[in-house]
Protein backbone atom coordinates (compact mmCIF):
# COMPACT_ATOMS: atom_id res chain seq x y z
CA MET A 1 0.00 0.00 0.00
CA ARG A 2 1.53 3.32 -1.06
CA LEU A 3 1.20 6.31 1.28
CA ARG A 4 1.98 10.00 0.90
CA LEU A 5 4.14 10.25 3.99
CA SER A 6 7.56 11.59 5.01
CA ASP A 7 9.47 11.07 8.25
CA THR A 8 8.60 14.63 9.29
CA HIS A 9 4.84 14.09 8.95
CA PRO A 10 3.00 14.34 12.30
CA ASP A 11 1.38 10.91 11.71
CA TYR A 12 4.72 9.14 11.16
CA PRO A 13 5.39 8.15 14.82
CA ALA A 14 1.84 6.78 15.19
CA LEU A 15 2.11 4.71 12.00
CA LEU A 16 5.54 3.45 13.06
CA LEU A 17 4.04 2.21 16.32
CA ALA A 18 1.02 0.73 14.51
CA ASN A 19 3.32 -1.25 12.21
CA GLN A 20 5.28 -2.55 15.20
CA MET A 21 2.05 -3.71 16.84
CA PHE A 22 0.66 -5.27 13.66
CA GLY A 23 3.65 -7.20 12.33
CA GLY A 24 6.93 -5.59 13.32
CA SER A 25 8.09 -8.34 15.69
CA LEU A 26 7.43 -12.01 16.52
CA GLY A 27 5.16 -10.96 19.35
CA ALA A 28 3.09 -8.61 17.19
CA ARG A 29 -0.54 -9.42 16.43
CA MET A 30 -0.25 -11.14 13.04
CA PRO A 31 2.98 -13.11 13.67
CA ASN A 32 1.73 -14.18 17.08
CA ARG A 33 -1.56 -15.42 15.69
CA ILE A 34 -0.49 -16.98 12.37
CA ARG A 35 2.90 -18.36 13.45
CA ASN A 36 2.83 -18.84 17.22
CA VAL A 37 -0.82 -19.78 17.79
CA GLU A 38 -2.11 -21.25 14.52
CA GLY A 39 1.23 -22.63 13.24
CA LEU A 40 0.38 -21.82 9.62
CA SER A 41 3.52 -19.92 8.64
CA TYR A 42 7.15 -19.69 9.74
CA SER A 43 7.57 -16.07 8.64
CA VAL A 44 4.92 -13.35 9.02
CA SER A 45 5.76 -9.67 9.09
CA SER A 46 4.80 -6.16 8.08
CA ARG A 47 6.98 -3.21 7.11
CA LEU A 48 6.61 0.56 6.95
CA THR A 49 9.17 2.17 4.63
CA VAL A 50 9.34 5.96 4.81
CA PRO A 51 11.89 7.95 2.78
CA VAL A 52 14.10 10.70 4.20
CA TYR A 53 13.43 12.78 1.09
CA GLY A 54 10.04 12.97 -0.60
CA ASP A 55 6.77 11.40 0.51
CA GLY A 56 6.69 8.05 -1.32
CA ALA A 57 6.12 5.77 1.68
CA LEU A 58 5.13 2.11 1.48
CA PHE A 59 3.32 -0.19 3.90
CA SER A 60 3.49 -3.92 3.17
CA ALA A 61 2.75 -7.23 4.85
CA ALA A 62 3.89 -10.73 3.87
CA ALA A 63 3.78 -14.35 4.97
CA ILE A 64 5.16 -17.62 3.63
CA SER A 65 3.20 -20.85 3.88
CA ALA A 66 2.67 -24.28 2.39
CA PRO A 67 0.19 -24.08 -0.52
CA GLN A 68 -2.49 -25.95 1.41
CA ASN A 69 -2.27 -23.39 4.24
CA THR A 70 -2.41 -20.27 2.07
CA PRO A 71 -6.23 -19.82 2.24
CA LYS A 72 -6.10 -20.06 6.04
CA VAL A 73 -3.26 -17.54 6.23
CA GLU A 74 -5.19 -15.11 4.04
CA ALA A 75 -8.28 -15.59 6.19
CA SER A 76 -6.31 -14.85 9.35
CA PHE A 77 -4.97 -11.61 7.83
CA LYS A 78 -8.51 -10.46 7.14
CA ASP A 79 -10.13 -11.75 10.32
CA THR A 80 -9.53 -9.69 13.46
CA LYS A 81 -12.28 -11.02 15.70
CA ALA A 82 -11.20 -11.65 19.28
CA GLU A 83 -7.81 -10.06 18.54
CA VAL A 84 -8.77 -6.79 20.21
CA PRO A 85 -11.38 -7.11 22.98
CA GLU A 86 -13.98 -4.32 23.21
CA THR A 87 -13.28 -3.94 26.92
CA PHE A 88 -9.85 -4.61 28.40
CA ASN A 89 -8.72 -4.10 32.01
CA ILE A 90 -5.19 -4.48 33.41
CA SER A 91 -4.42 -4.41 37.13
CA LEU A 92 -0.80 -3.60 38.03
CA GLU A 93 0.37 -4.06 41.63
CA TYR A 94 3.75 -2.51 42.42
CA PRO A 95 5.67 -3.50 45.60
CA GLY A 96 4.88 -0.81 48.16
CA GLY A 97 2.40 0.82 45.76
CA PRO A 98 0.88 2.26 43.80
CA ASN A 99 -1.78 0.01 42.31
CA VAL A 100 -2.61 0.97 38.73
CA LEU A 101 -5.78 0.07 36.85
CA LEU A 102 -5.66 0.46 33.07
CA ILE A 103 -9.09 0.47 31.44
CA SER A 104 -9.71 0.37 27.70
CA SER A 105 -13.13 0.32 26.08
CA GLN A 106 -14.18 0.43 22.43
CA ALA A 107 -17.85 -0.11 23.24
CA ASN A 108 -18.60 3.57 22.54
CA ASP A 109 -16.90 6.92 22.01
CA THR A 110 -17.04 8.09 25.63
CA PRO A 111 -13.44 8.38 26.89
CA VAL A 112 -12.28 6.80 30.13
CA ASP A 113 -11.16 9.36 32.72
CA HIS A 114 -7.42 9.46 33.42
CA GLU A 115 -7.05 9.86 37.18
CA LEU A 116 -4.47 9.44 39.94
CA ARG A 117 -6.24 8.67 43.23
CA GLY A 118 -4.23 9.40 46.38
CA HIS A 119 -5.15 9.28 50.06
CA LYS A 120 -5.54 13.06 50.30
CA ALA A 121 -6.64 14.07 46.81
CA THR A 122 -7.44 12.99 43.25
CA LEU A 123 -5.56 14.33 40.22
CA LYS A 124 -7.66 14.24 37.06
CA PHE A 125 -6.26 14.97 33.61
CA THR A 126 -8.50 17.09 31.39
CA PRO A 127 -8.30 18.22 27.74
CA THR A 128 -6.98 21.59 28.95
CA GLY A 129 -4.65 20.44 31.75
CA PHE A 130 -5.45 18.80 35.08
CA THR A 131 -7.29 19.37 38.35
CA ILE A 132 -6.44 18.31 41.91
CA THR A 133 -9.46 17.83 44.16
CA PRO A 134 -8.90 17.21 47.89
CA GLN A 135 -10.75 14.45 49.70
CA LYS A 136 -13.50 15.78 51.99
CA MET A 137 -11.61 14.99 55.19
CA PHE A 138 -8.61 17.06 53.98
CA ALA A 139 -10.60 19.88 52.37
CA LYS A 140 -9.76 22.27 55.23
CA ASP A 141 -6.01 21.73 54.84
CA MET A 142 -5.64 22.13 51.07
CA GLN A 143 -7.27 23.99 48.24
CA PRO A 144 -8.39 22.61 44.86
CA ILE A 145 -5.89 23.22 42.05
CA GLU A 146 -6.58 23.69 38.34
CA TYR A 147 -3.66 23.71 35.90
CA LYS A 148 -4.03 25.02 32.36
CA LYS A 149 -1.76 23.79 29.58
CA LYS A 150 0.82 26.34 28.42
CA GLY A 151 1.93 24.72 25.16
CA ALA A 152 4.98 22.74 26.29
CA GLU A 153 2.77 19.65 26.73
CA SER A 154 2.18 19.35 22.97
CA THR A 155 2.67 15.81 21.60
CA GLU A 156 4.16 17.40 18.47
CA LEU A 157 7.06 18.68 20.58
CA HIS A 158 7.47 15.18 22.02
CA HIS A 159 7.66 13.73 18.49
CA ARG A 160 10.13 16.41 17.39
CA ASN A 161 12.32 15.64 20.40
CA LEU A 162 12.34 11.94 19.46
CA GLN A 163 13.29 12.71 15.84
CA ALA A 164 16.06 15.07 17.01
CA ALA A 165 17.44 12.33 19.26
CA ILE A 166 17.50 9.86 16.36
CA ARG A 167 18.97 12.25 13.80
CA ARG A 168 21.29 14.47 15.86
CA ASN A 169 21.78 12.51 19.09
CA GLU A 170 20.07 15.21 21.13
CA PRO A 171 19.01 14.17 24.67
CA LEU A 172 15.49 12.87 25.21
CA ASN A 173 13.22 14.90 27.49
CA CYS A 174 11.55 11.62 28.53
CA ASP A 175 14.40 9.12 28.77
CA CYS A 176 14.30 5.55 27.49
CA MET A 177 13.83 4.06 30.96
CA LEU A 178 10.51 5.86 31.40
CA GLY A 179 9.36 4.37 28.11
CA TYR A 180 10.73 0.98 29.16
CA TYR A 181 8.67 0.94 32.34
CA GLY A 182 5.49 1.81 30.46
CA VAL A 183 6.03 -0.67 27.64
CA VAL A 184 6.85 -3.54 30.04
CA ALA A 185 3.63 -2.95 31.98
CA CYS A 186 1.50 -2.91 28.82
CA ALA A 187 3.29 -5.90 27.31
CA MET A 188 2.78 -7.95 30.47
CA GLY A 189 -0.93 -7.14 30.40
CA VAL A 190 -1.28 -8.27 26.78
CA GLU A 191 0.75 -11.43 27.42
CA SER A 192 -1.36 -12.22 30.49
CA PHE A 193 -4.50 -11.84 28.39
CA ARG A 194 -3.17 -14.10 25.64
CA LYS A 195 -1.95 -16.83 28.00
CA ARG A 196 -4.83 -16.51 30.48
CA GLN A 197 -2.25 -16.39 33.29
CA TYR A 198 -1.25 -14.00 36.06
CA LEU A 199 2.28 -12.68 35.46
CA ALA A 200 4.96 -11.24 37.74
CA TRP A 201 8.15 -9.31 36.98
CA ASP A 202 11.48 -10.98 37.71
CA LYS A 203 13.68 -8.00 38.54
CA THR A 204 16.94 -9.98 38.37
CA LYS A 205 16.31 -11.55 34.95
CA GLU A 206 14.29 -8.54 33.72
CA ARG A 207 11.52 -10.67 32.27
CA ALA A 208 7.91 -11.60 32.92
CA VAL A 209 7.34 -14.93 34.68
CA ARG A 210 4.26 -16.85 35.75
CA ALA A 211 2.95 -15.54 39.09
């Protein structure tokens, strides 16, 4: 599939991530299903090729299979049922806290509130910034806070910072370890869902193990 896209386009980082999720690794959706689960193909992958100059990008996907398995492989590429549940919850319990609940729902277009609930107050992210609302028993000791975005929170600036790090070795504002922690948590949730098992993190080996 040909796309009009350059590596400076604002949609490039999102498409790069989408390709990685779809077929960019052995654990991605299509390789995991067709190779690891169904055993129909040894090699399944997708690729997003974006030029440095111009906007002639290309997205492609491929799989090899025995002739008798080809119709099943094609069917799996087209069929996405049960691959992405409409409602998906992940519970993360960190030693000493906090406990994090990730909620995803595609049942309708009402977004799920993004909140941090503490003992004394609740921080709620809003489209314009965030609010901090004290719990009733601490209302006398602290005042509600409302923060308005000032522009530095723009995701475009985040993407530009990433591109500058790749191209010119400039430092990342959000370092790789922060991304590592987030990706590990999400990956463990997906793996737990696929295996129908509780998982724990082995800090010494730096890998997920059965809980």
